[in-house]
Protein backbone atom coordinates (compact mmCIF):
# COMPACT_ATOMS: atom_id res chain seq x y z
CA MET A 1 118.67 73.65 53.70
CA SER A 2 118.59 77.38 54.34
CA GLN A 3 119.22 79.79 51.53
CA ASP A 4 121.71 82.39 52.71
CA LEU A 5 122.00 85.61 50.76
CA SER A 6 124.83 87.97 50.02
CA VAL A 7 124.42 91.61 50.98
CA LYS A 8 123.74 92.46 47.33
CA GLU A 9 121.07 89.76 47.02
CA ALA A 10 119.39 90.87 50.25
CA ALA A 11 119.48 94.49 49.06
CA ALA A 12 117.82 93.58 45.77
CA GLU A 13 115.09 91.71 47.57
CA ILE A 14 114.14 94.63 49.82
CA ASN A 15 114.82 97.32 47.20
CA VAL A 16 117.60 99.18 49.00
CA SER A 17 121.31 99.62 48.38
CA ALA A 18 123.95 97.19 49.61
CA ALA A 19 125.28 100.02 51.82
CA LYS A 20 121.85 100.30 53.46
CA VAL A 21 121.78 96.54 54.15
CA ARG A 22 125.25 96.76 55.73
CA ALA A 23 123.98 99.65 57.89
CA LEU A 24 120.93 97.61 58.92
CA ILE A 25 123.24 94.74 59.84
CA ARG A 26 125.46 97.05 61.93
CA THR A 27 122.43 98.40 63.84
CA GLY A 28 121.06 94.90 64.38
CA GLU A 29 117.90 95.43 62.34
CA ILE A 30 118.91 92.55 60.08
CA ALA A 31 120.68 89.57 61.59
CA ALA A 32 123.70 88.34 59.65
CA TYR A 33 126.89 86.38 60.08
CA ARG A 34 130.38 86.63 58.71
CA PRO A 35 131.69 83.47 57.03
CA GLY A 36 135.04 85.22 56.56
CA LYS A 37 136.66 88.49 57.52
CA ARG A 38 135.17 90.67 54.79
CA SER A 39 131.69 89.59 53.83
CA TYR A 40 128.31 89.15 55.47
CA ARG A 41 125.65 86.55 54.78
CA VAL A 42 121.99 87.07 55.59
CA THR A 43 119.78 84.08 56.23
CA ARG A 44 116.44 83.91 54.46
CA GLU A 45 114.76 83.74 57.87
CA ALA A 46 116.48 86.95 59.03
CA LEU A 47 115.43 88.79 55.89
CA GLU A 48 111.83 87.58 56.16
CA THR A 49 111.76 88.70 59.81
CA TYR A 50 113.01 92.15 58.82
CA LYS A 51 110.40 92.42 56.06
CA ALA A 52 107.60 91.36 58.43
CA LEU A 53 108.66 93.89 61.06
CA LYS A 54 108.88 96.67 58.47
CA HIS A 55 105.45 95.72 57.12
CA SER A 56 103.95 95.81 60.63
CA ALA A 57 105.56 99.17 61.35
CA LEU A 58 104.19 100.58 58.10
CA LYS A 59 100.68 99.37 58.93
CA LEU A 60 100.88 101.02 62.36
CA GLU A 61 102.12 104.26 60.80
CA ILE A 62 99.26 104.29 58.30
CA ARG A 63 96.71 103.57 61.05
CA ALA A 64 98.09 106.39 63.21
CA SER A 65 97.95 108.77 60.26
CA LYS A 66 94.31 107.87 59.60
CA ASP A 67 93.47 108.35 63.28
CA ASP A 68 95.12 111.79 63.23
CA GLN A 69 93.15 112.80 60.14
CA ALA A 70 89.87 111.56 61.61
CA SER A 71 90.33 113.57 64.81
CA ALA A 72 91.25 116.77 62.95
């Protein structure tokens, strides 16, 4: 059974505010669904996907920074 998270729980897990998670949901960076009219739920899989993409982006950014420093 999947473990769906509230916006607050997802925010705590990725160390951002609940407002930031809602913004990430609105932009499509984190997939979520609405079980009612007011709240969002984030699946564990969606949050893990977001974390993996952010981790990959950070690694690419660090690599690019090192390449820039080496060529300077």
